[in-house]
Structure formats: C-alpha cells, structure tokens
Amino acid sequence: MSKKVDNPENAYKEDKLAKIPTWIKIILLKYWVACAAFYFWIMGGNFLWFRHEDYHFDTTLKIIAICSLGYAIFKEYIEKNIIRYMRTSVNETKKYNLINLHGTLSFFAHLFYCLFLTIMMTLICTLFITDENMLHLGFIGYGPFTVGFVYLILDLICIGIKDGIVVLVKHIKYKRAIKIQNMILAEDDIPTYGEVSEEVNNELDNFTNKEE
C-alpha cells in the first residue's frame, strides 16, 4: 500500500534551499568556479610547466594564459548557464553575468575578460599576499580559497561598474526623451484649458457685429 500523505497542501511547499536568496547562491557559485578553475588548471596541472631549477618570466606568462583559459571555460559553460537557469518570473538573473552573449563570441569575450581578471589577481596576490612569484600561490598556504576570493571581489566590482553604466545610460535616455516631449508640446499651438485664442475672440466679435 502507498503511504498516506499527512498534508496534501504541502506537496508544493518550497524547501529550505529555495528560501535562500538568489544572489547568495550566485555569489557562492562564482566563488566555487574561481576556486575550481585555479585548483584544476594551476595546482592540478603544475607538473606540465613547473620546474624549480629553471623558473623564469615565461613560466608566469604561461600560467596566466592557462589559468585564464580554464577560468573562461568554467565561466562560459558552467557559471553562465547555471545563473540563467536560476531565472524566475520575478528575478532576472542575467544581470549577474557580465557577459550575456552566445556562441563563439561569448567564449572569446569571456577569455579576454578572464585574462584581465587573472592579471589583476596575479598583481594583487603577489603584491599584497605574498612577495613570491605566482607559482607559490598554491603551495605556501595561499591556495584556491584565497585566490578565489580575490577573483570574486574583482568580478563583483566589474559587474557593479557595468550595472552602474547601464543605469546611467537609461537615465540619460529617459531625460532626453522627456526633453524632446516637452519641446514638442511647447511648439504646439493648442490652447490650454480655460483659455481662448485671439482668433476665436475675433470671430466671435465679427459674428456679434453682423447680427447688430
């Protein structure tokens, strides 16, 4: 026999996970993507390029390029799609993505964006977190959690700048539309309520004189 449902009205009741605000889940997703990209592509693949005896500047450039590529893949095919799936009728999650393009153009846009973030992350970590080179970020205690946090802060700053520009452009367009509308109304010779134009007054005077 099937189990009896105690309260059928709760069949579609939201679970505890659904009660978490969407922006919190998106921030956690972004943080996980940043940590995972650094862990899998840098710490997990360091044996492909890292040798202590011949460290040089080209090695850092190679690491930045590989980390940017891995981060772009994670953001393009994991983060962006999950954020889009979180969209509801009352919450447009597209604003949490800096890039909302499609296809190959979207991937290359993410690649250049992640290259910028990786360069900024490298500068911040090597200047303020460790005085060593980038290779030491994953091996002296400054691992994915620290690097992911720096990535997250940089990403949120960029998204905030983008949203601010969008709001400013919409405000300018709105003000321009209001100005154009006021100019059109000012050019119209439509008498306001309770007022009569001079032409109407002249016609009334002529009609009255004719009758006399």
Foldseek 3Di string as FASTA:
>chain_A
DDDDDPDPVCPPPDDPVVPPDPVVVLLVLLLVLQLVLCCCQQVVPVVVQDDVVDDDPVSLVVSLLRSLLSSLVCCPPPSQVVQCVPDDPVDRSNLLDPDDDDDPVSSVVSSVVSSVLSVVLQVCCCPPPHVDHPSCCCPPPNHSNNSSVSSSVVSVVSSVVVVVVVVVVVVVVVVVVVVVVVVVVVPDPDDDPPDDDPVVVVVVVVVVVVVD
